[in-house]
PDB file of N, CA and C in Angstrom:
ATOM      1  N   MET A   1      31.919  -4.981 -11.729  1.00  0.00           N
ATOM      2  CA  MET A   1      32.739  -5.484 -10.754  1.00  0.00           C
ATOM      3  C   MET A   1      33.758  -6.791 -10.674  1.00  0.00           C
ATOM      4  N   GLU A   2      33.178  -7.723 -11.503  1.00  0.00           N
ATOM      5  CA  GLU A   2      32.767  -8.967 -11.241  1.00  0.00           C
ATOM      6  C   GLU A   2      34.862  -9.242 -12.319  1.00  0.00           C
ATOM      7  N   SER A   3      34.703  -8.221 -13.716  1.00  0.00           N
ATOM      8  CA  SER A   3      35.542  -8.641 -14.414  1.00  0.00           C
ATOM      9  C   SER A   3      36.621  -7.904 -13.509  1.00  0.00           C
ATOM     10  N   LEU A   4      36.220  -7.002 -12.603  1.00  0.00           N
ATOM     11  CA  LEU A   4      37.779  -6.813 -11.586  1.00  0.00           C
ATOM     12  C   LEU A   4      38.103  -7.861 -10.889  1.00  0.00           C
ATOM     13  N   ASP A   5      37.134  -8.428 -10.294  1.00  0.00           N
ATOM     14  CA  ASP A   5      37.322  -9.409  -9.583  1.00  0.00           C
ATOM     15  C   ASP A   5      37.959 -10.683  -9.731  1.00  0.00           C
ATOM     16  N   LYS A   6      37.616 -10.954 -11.038  1.00  0.00           N
ATOM     17  CA  LYS A   6      38.426 -12.293 -12.111  1.00  0.00           C
ATOM     18  C   LYS A   6      39.747 -11.709 -12.540  1.00  0.00           C
ATOM     19  N   LEU A   7      40.206 -10.589 -12.847  1.00  0.00           N
ATOM     20  CA  LEU A   7      41.420  -9.810 -12.914  1.00  0.00           C
ATOM     21  C   LEU A   7      42.435 -10.182 -11.663  1.00  0.00           C
ATOM     22  N   LEU A   8      42.059  -9.833 -10.369  1.00  0.00           N
ATOM     23  CA  LEU A   8      42.476  -9.718  -9.599  1.00  0.00           C
ATOM     24  C   LEU A   8      43.457 -11.574  -8.757  1.00  0.00           C
ATOM     25  N   ARG A   9      41.938 -12.069  -8.818  1.00  0.00           N
ATOM     26  CA  ARG A   9      42.492 -13.370  -8.755  1.00  0.00           C
ATOM     27  C   ARG A   9      43.554 -13.848 -10.146  1.00  0.00           C
ATOM     28  N   THR A  10      43.475 -13.193 -11.579  1.00  0.00           N
ATOM     29  CA  THR A  10      44.615 -14.317 -12.062  1.00  0.00           C
ATOM     30  C   THR A  10      45.527 -13.848 -11.697  1.00  0.00           C
ATOM     31  N   ALA A  11      45.699 -12.562 -11.957  1.00  0.00           N
ATOM     32  CA  ALA A  11      47.052 -12.331 -10.945  1.00  0.00           C
ATOM     33  C   ALA A  11      47.698 -12.408  -9.502  1.00  0.00           C
ATOM     34  N   ILE A  12      46.432 -13.078  -8.560  1.00  0.00           N
ATOM     35  CA  ILE A  12      46.946 -13.778  -8.014  1.00  0.00           C
ATOM     36  C   ILE A  12      48.073 -15.049  -8.486  1.00  0.00           C
ATOM     37  N   ALA A  13      46.756 -15.572  -8.714  1.00  0.00           N
ATOM     38  CA  ALA A  13      47.017 -16.924  -9.395  1.00  0.00           C
ATOM     39  C   ALA A  13      48.658 -17.719  -9.878  1.00  0.00           C
ATOM     40  N   ASP A  14      48.421 -16.189 -10.679  1.00  0.00           N
ATOM     41  CA  ASP A  14      49.411 -15.875 -11.572  1.00  0.00           C
ATOM     42  C   ASP A  14      51.264 -15.480 -10.988  1.00  0.00           C
ATOM     43  N   ARG A  15      51.239 -14.724 -10.496  1.00  0.00           N
ATOM     44  CA  ARG A  15      51.457 -14.351  -8.881  1.00  0.00           C
ATOM     45  C   ARG A  15      52.490 -12.720 -10.229  1.00  0.00           C
ATOM     46  N   ARG A  16      51.628 -12.285 -10.177  1.00  0.00           N
ATOM     47  CA  ARG A  16      51.689 -10.758 -11.063  1.00  0.00           C
ATOM     48  C   ARG A  16      51.441  -9.682 -10.377  1.00  0.00           C
ATOM     49  N   LEU A  17      52.551  -8.551 -10.427  1.00  0.00           N
ATOM     50  CA  LEU A  17      52.339  -7.002 -10.068  1.00  0.00           C
ATOM     51  C   LEU A  17      50.490  -6.599 -10.879  1.00  0.00           C
ATOM     52  N   VAL A  18      50.626  -5.756 -10.130  1.00  0.00           N
ATOM     53  CA  VAL A  18      49.073  -5.333 -10.982  1.00  0.00           C
ATOM     54  C   VAL A  18      48.954  -3.005 -10.713  1.00  0.00           C
ATOM     55  N   SER A  19      48.620  -2.977 -11.868  1.00  0.00           N
ATOM     56  CA  SER A  19      49.010  -1.386 -11.436  1.00  0.00           C
ATOM     57  C   SER A  19      47.006  -1.067 -11.499  1.00  0.00           C
ATOM     58  N   PHE A  20      47.005  -0.158 -10.846  1.00  0.00           N
ATOM     59  CA  PHE A  20      46.302   0.617 -10.858  1.00  0.00           C
ATOM     60  C   PHE A  20      45.864   1.961  -9.736  1.00  0.00           C
ATOM     61  N   ALA A  21      44.732   2.922 -10.684  1.00  0.00           N
ATOM     62  CA  ALA A  21      44.396   4.041  -9.923  1.00  0.00           C
ATOM     63  C   ALA A  21      43.909   4.745  -8.563  1.00  0.00           C
ATOM     64  N   LEU A  22      43.865   4.856  -7.618  1.00  0.00           N
ATOM     65  CA  LEU A  22      43.357   4.771  -6.415  1.00  0.00           C
ATOM     66  C   LEU A  22      42.703   6.031  -5.901  1.00  0.00           C
ATOM     67  N   HIS A  23      41.623   7.108  -5.698  1.00  0.00           N
ATOM     68  CA  HIS A  23      40.981   8.267  -5.464  1.00  0.00           C
ATOM     69  C   HIS A  23      42.133   8.865  -6.792  1.00  0.00           C
ATOM     70  N   GLY A  24      42.385   8.688  -7.911  1.00  0.00           N
ATOM     71  CA  GLY A  24      42.928   8.788  -8.999  1.00  0.00           C
ATOM     72  C   GLY A  24      44.245   9.188  -9.070  1.00  0.00           C
ATOM     73  N   LEU A  25      45.428   8.132  -7.928  1.00  0.00           N
ATOM     74  CA  LEU A  25      46.707   8.231  -7.973  1.00  0.00           C
ATOM     75  C   LEU A  25      46.443   6.684  -8.088  1.00  0.00           C
ATOM     76  N   PRO A  26      48.400   6.974  -9.210  1.00  0.00           N
ATOM     77  CA  PRO A  26      48.648   6.132  -9.080  1.00  0.00           C
ATOM     78  C   PRO A  26      49.520   4.957  -8.562  1.00  0.00           C
ATOM     79  N   ARG A  27      49.437   3.724  -8.422  1.00  0.00           N
ATOM     80  CA  ARG A  27      50.110   2.554  -7.615  1.00  0.00           C
ATOM     81  C   ARG A  27      49.889   1.332  -9.103  1.00  0.00           C
ATOM     82  N   VAL A  28      50.976   0.557  -7.861  1.00  0.00           N
ATOM     83  CA  VAL A  28      51.755  -0.785  -8.362  1.00  0.00           C
ATOM     84  C   VAL A  28      51.638  -0.985  -6.877  1.00  0.00           C
ATOM     85  N   GLY A  29      51.233  -2.523  -7.257  1.00  0.00           N
ATOM     86  CA  GLY A  29      51.732  -3.449  -6.371  1.00  0.00           C
ATOM     87  C   GLY A  29      51.517  -4.977  -6.214  1.00  0.00           C
ATOM     88  N   GLU A  30      51.620  -5.797  -5.132  1.00  0.00           N
ATOM     89  CA  GLU A  30      50.897  -6.739  -5.079  1.00  0.00           C
ATOM     90  C   GLU A  30      49.253  -6.908  -4.842  1.00  0.00           C
ATOM     91  N   PRO A  31      48.473  -8.126  -5.149  1.00  0.00           N
ATOM     92  CA  PRO A  31      47.159  -8.545  -5.289  1.00  0.00           C
ATOM     93  C   PRO A  31      47.228  -9.462  -3.889  1.00  0.00           C
ATOM     94  N   LEU A  32      47.711  -8.812  -3.031  1.00  0.00           N
ATOM     95  CA  LEU A  32      47.771 -10.255  -1.683  1.00  0.00           C
ATOM     96  C   LEU A  32      47.107  -9.061   0.096  1.00  0.00           C
ATOM     97  N   GLY A  33      46.709  -8.021  -0.055  1.00  0.00           N
ATOM     98  CA  GLY A  33      46.416  -7.283   0.816  1.00  0.00           C
ATOM     99  C   GLY A  33      47.391  -6.834   1.770  1.00  0.00           C
ATOM    100  N   ARG A  34      48.643  -6.748   1.406  1.00  0.00           N
ATOM    101  CA  ARG A  34      49.409  -6.210   2.768  1.00  0.00           C
ATOM    102  C   ARG A  34      48.698  -4.916   2.632  1.00  0.00           C
ATOM    103  N   ARG A  35      48.627  -4.086   2.477  1.00  0.00           N
ATOM    104  CA  ARG A  35      48.258  -2.596   2.399  1.00  0.00           C
ATOM    105  C   ARG A  35      46.937  -2.201   1.669  1.00  0.00           C
ATOM    106  N   ASN A  36      45.683  -2.271   2.383  1.00  0.00           N
ATOM    107  CA  ASN A  36      44.346  -2.598   1.732  1.00  0.00           C
ATOM    108  C   ASN A  36      43.565  -1.130   1.038  1.00  0.00           C
ATOM    109  N   ALA A  37      43.351  -1.547   0.092  1.00  0.00           N
ATOM    110  CA  ALA A  37      42.628  -0.475  -0.908  1.00  0.00           C
ATOM    111  C   ALA A  37      40.993  -1.594  -1.590  1.00  0.00           C
ATOM    112  N   VAL A  38      40.088  -0.453  -0.572  1.00  0.00           N
ATOM    113  CA  VAL A  38      37.955  -1.352  -1.399  1.00  0.00           C
ATOM    114  C   VAL A  38      38.398  -1.269  -2.933  1.00  0.00           C
ATOM    115  N   ILE A  39      37.874  -2.417  -3.018  1.00  0.00           N
ATOM    116  CA  ILE A  39      37.530  -2.479  -4.807  1.00  0.00           C
ATOM    117  C   ILE A  39      37.214  -1.685  -5.765  1.00  0.00           C
ATOM    118  N   GLY A  40      35.986  -1.061  -4.594  1.00  0.00           N
ATOM    119  CA  GLY A  40      35.051  -0.506  -5.545  1.00  0.00           C
ATOM    120  C   GLY A  40      35.216   1.247  -5.621  1.00  0.00           C
ATOM    121  N   GLU A  41      36.596   1.045  -4.747  1.00  0.00           N
ATOM    122  CA  GLU A  41      37.545   2.648  -4.799  1.00  0.00           C
ATOM    123  C   GLU A  41      38.824   2.240  -6.125  1.00  0.00           C
ATOM    124  N   ILE A  42      39.590   1.380  -6.743  1.00  0.00           N
ATOM    125  CA  ILE A  42      39.980   1.370  -7.489  1.00  0.00           C
ATOM    126  C   ILE A  42      39.685   1.210  -8.665  1.00  0.00           C
ATOM    127  N   SER A  43      40.321   1.677 -10.053  1.00  0.00           N
ATOM    128  CA  SER A  43      39.868   1.503 -11.169  1.00  0.00           C
ATOM    129  C   SER A  43      41.693   1.765 -12.249  1.00  0.00           C
ATOM    130  N   ASP A  44      41.244   1.002 -13.371  1.00  0.00           N
ATOM    131  CA  ASP A  44      42.092   1.098 -13.939  1.00  0.00           C
ATOM    132  C   ASP A  44      42.972  -0.039 -13.835  1.00  0.00           C
ATOM    133  N   LEU A  45      42.542  -0.795 -13.073  1.00  0.00           N
ATOM    134  CA  LEU A  45      43.128  -2.052 -13.056  1.00  0.00           C
ATOM    135  C   LEU A  45      43.682  -3.223 -14.361  1.00  0.00           C
ATOM    136  N   ARG A  46      45.282  -2.824 -14.181  1.00  0.00           N
ATOM    137  CA  ARG A  46      45.496  -3.992 -15.593  1.00  0.00           C
ATOM    138  C   ARG A  46      46.636  -4.493 -14.359  1.00  0.00           C
ATOM    139  N   ILE A  47      47.043  -5.953 -15.353  1.00  0.00           N
ATOM    140  CA  ILE A  47      48.472  -6.799 -15.041  1.00  0.00           C
ATOM    141  C   ILE A  47      49.505  -6.690 -15.288  1.00  0.00           C
ATOM    142  N   LEU A  48      50.323  -6.359 -15.272  1.00  0.00           N
ATOM    143  CA  LEU A  48      52.033  -6.458 -15.051  1.00  0.00           C
ATOM    144  C   LEU A  48      52.424  -7.393 -15.690  1.00  0.00           C
ATOM    145  N   ASP A  49      53.342  -7.560 -16.687  1.00  0.00           N
ATOM    146  CA  ASP A  49      54.809  -8.409 -16.970  1.00  0.00           C
ATOM    147  C   ASP A  49      54.947  -9.050 -15.129  1.00  0.00           C
ATOM    148  N   GLN A  50      55.715  -7.994 -14.742  1.00  0.00           N
ATOM    149  CA  GLN A  50      56.241  -8.506 -13.706  1.00  0.00           C
ATOM    150  C   GLN A  50      55.703  -9.315 -12.921  1.00  0.00           C
ATOM    151  N   ARG A  51      56.497 -10.602 -12.120  1.00  0.00           N
ATOM    152  CA  ARG A  51      55.744 -10.930 -10.415  1.00  0.00           C
ATOM    153  C   ARG A  51      56.565 -10.550  -9.255  1.00  0.00           C
ATOM    154  N   PHE A  52      55.905 -11.275  -8.610  1.00  0.00           N
ATOM    155  CA  PHE A  52      56.289 -11.218  -7.190  1.00  0.00           C
ATOM    156  C   PHE A  52      56.433 -12.342  -6.746  1.00  0.00           C
ATOM    157  N   ALA A  53      57.128 -12.534  -5.578  1.00  0.00           N
ATOM    158  CA  ALA A  53      57.906 -13.848  -5.070  1.00  0.00           C
ATOM    159  C   ALA A  53      56.971 -14.904  -4.591  1.00  0.00           C
ATOM    160  N   GLY A  54      55.519 -13.960  -3.940  1.00  0.00           N
ATOM    161  CA  GLY A  54      54.304 -15.290  -4.040  1.00  0.00           C
ATOM    162  C   GLY A  54      54.633 -14.573  -1.666  1.00  0.00           C
ATOM    163  N   THR A  55      54.372 -15.594  -1.646  1.00  0.00           N
ATOM    164  CA  THR A  55      54.342 -15.470   0.070  1.00  0.00           C
ATOM    165  C   THR A  55      55.244 -15.874   1.301  1.00  0.00           C
ATOM    166  N   ARG A  56      55.830 -14.533   1.705  1.00  0.00           N
ATOM    167  CA  ARG A  56      56.886 -15.026   2.526  1.00  0.00           C
ATOM    168  C   ARG A  56      56.820 -14.402   3.858  1.00  0.00           C
ATOM    169  N   PRO A  57      57.198 -14.555   4.516  1.00  0.00           N
ATOM    170  CA  PRO A  57      56.954 -13.640   6.686  1.00  0.00           C
ATOM    171  C   PRO A  57      56.641 -12.376   6.822  1.00  0.00           C
ATOM    172  N   ALA A  58      55.275 -12.294   8.117  1.00  0.00           N
ATOM    173  CA  ALA A  58      54.919 -11.249   7.459  1.00  0.00           C
ATOM    174  C   ALA A  58      56.313 -10.440   9.095  1.00  0.00           C
ATOM    175  N   PRO A  59      56.850  -8.829   8.434  1.00  0.00           N
ATOM    176  CA  PRO A  59      57.591  -8.637   9.611  1.00  0.00           C
ATOM    177  C   PRO A  59      57.486  -9.032  11.094  1.00  0.00           C
ATOM    178  N   THR A  60      55.959  -8.879  11.499  1.00  0.00           N
ATOM    179  CA  THR A  60      55.410  -9.065  12.627  1.00  0.00           C
ATOM    180  C   THR A  60      55.491 -10.370  13.193  1.00  0.00           C
ATOM    181  N   GLY A  61      55.946 -11.156  12.274  1.00  0.00           N
ATOM    182  CA  GLY A  61      55.238 -12.866  12.472  1.00  0.00           C
ATOM    183  C   GLY A  61      54.201 -13.429  12.442  1.00  0.00           C
ATOM    184  N   ARG A  62      53.332 -12.645  12.721  1.00  0.00           N
ATOM    185  CA  ARG A  62      51.956 -12.929  12.518  1.00  0.00           C
ATOM    186  C   ARG A  62      51.383 -12.434  10.850  1.00  0.00           C
ATOM    187  N   HIS A  63      50.541 -13.363  10.326  1.00  0.00           N
ATOM    188  CA  HIS A  63      49.527 -12.726   8.633  1.00  0.00           C
ATOM    189  C   HIS A  63      48.409 -12.080   9.019  1.00  0.00           C
ATOM    190  N   LYS A  64      47.839 -11.281   8.737  1.00  0.00           N
ATOM    191  CA  LYS A  64      46.875 -10.860   8.875  1.00  0.00           C
ATOM    192  C   LYS A  64      45.637 -12.211   8.289  1.00  0.00           C
ATOM    193  N   LYS A  65      44.701 -12.096   9.503  1.00  0.00           N
ATOM    194  CA  LYS A  65      43.364 -13.588   9.275  1.00  0.00           C
ATOM    195  C   LYS A  65      42.000 -11.969   8.407  1.00  0.00           C
ATOM    196  N   TRP A  66      41.736 -12.904   7.525  1.00  0.00           N
ATOM    197  CA  TRP A  66      40.477 -12.431   6.647  1.00  0.00           C
ATOM    198  C   TRP A  66      39.831 -13.318   7.316  1.00  0.00           C
ATOM    199  N   ASP A  67      38.332 -12.452   7.050  1.00  0.00           N
ATOM    200  CA  ASP A  67      36.940 -13.213   6.925  1.00  0.00           C
ATOM    201  C   ASP A  67      36.649 -14.118   6.257  1.00  0.00           C
ATOM    202  N   GLN A  68      37.033 -13.923   5.185  1.00  0.00           N
ATOM    203  CA  GLN A  68      37.043 -15.233   3.690  1.00  0.00           C
ATOM    204  C   GLN A  68      37.970 -15.071   3.390  1.00  0.00           C
ATOM    205  N   LEU A  69      38.893 -15.739   3.071  1.00  0.00           N
ATOM    206  CA  LEU A  69      39.793 -16.223   1.555  1.00  0.00           C
ATOM    207  C   LEU A  69      39.422 -16.272   0.438  1.00  0.00           C
ATOM    208  N   TYR A  70      39.510 -15.998  -0.549  1.00  0.00           N
ATOM    209  CA  TYR A  70      38.766 -15.605  -2.132  1.00  0.00           C
ATOM    210  C   TYR A  70      39.796 -16.064  -2.866  1.00  0.00           C
ATOM    211  N   ALA A  71      41.392 -16.008  -2.402  1.00  0.00           N
ATOM    212  CA  ALA A  71      41.914 -16.688  -2.686  1.00  0.00           C
ATOM    213  C   ALA A  71      43.939 -16.040  -2.747  1.00  0.00           C
ATOM    214  N   SER A  72      44.518 -17.556  -3.035  1.00  0.00           N
ATOM    215  CA  SER A  72      45.677 -17.374  -2.423  1.00  0.00           C
ATOM    216  C   SER A  72      47.063 -17.930  -2.935  1.00  0.00           C
ATOM    217  N   VAL A  73      47.778 -17.556  -3.174  1.00  0.00           N
ATOM    218  CA  VAL A  73      49.815 -18.143  -3.824  1.00  0.00           C
ATOM    219  C   VAL A  73      49.408 -19.561  -3.462  1.00  0.00           C
ATOM    220  N   SER A  74      49.236 -18.997  -1.755  1.00  0.00           N
ATOM    221  CA  SER A  74      49.802 -21.175  -2.116  1.00  0.00           C
ATOM    222  C   SER A  74      48.825 -21.708  -2.039  1.00  0.00           C
ATOM    223  N   MET A  75      47.915 -21.696  -2.443  1.00  0.00           N
ATOM    224  CA  MET A  75      47.115 -22.283  -2.999  1.00  0.00           C
ATOM    225  C   MET A  75      46.615 -23.199  -3.888  1.00  0.00           C
ATOM    226  N   ARG A  76      48.187 -22.299  -4.593  1.00  0.00           N
ATOM    227  CA  ARG A  76      48.297 -23.468  -6.257  1.00  0.00           C
ATOM    228  C   ARG A  76      48.467 -24.160  -5.775  1.00  0.00           C
ATOM    229  N   GLU A  77      48.236 -25.549  -7.485  1.00  0.00           N
ATOM    230  CA  GLU A  77      48.478 -26.716  -7.472  1.00  0.00           C
ATOM    231  C   GLU A  77      50.407 -27.243  -8.011  1.00  0.00           C
TER     232      GLU A  77
END
C-alpha cells in the first residue's frame, strides 16, 4: 500500500496520468479524485508519460471538500 501511495503522490506532483485496473477493468485517468476509486480496490498502477493540465474549474463551480488533503497539484513550488 505504501508504494501505491508513493506512486500516486509522484503522479500528482508531476501532473502525469495513471493507468490501473479497478475490479479487473483497465482504467486511465488523472490521480486527482474527480471520480473516486478506493485505493485498496485498484491494482497494476503505473505512471504514464502523458501529462494533464492541473487544476481547472469544476463544472458545478464547487470543488470537492476532502476530509484530509494528502497531495495537490496546486501545492507545487
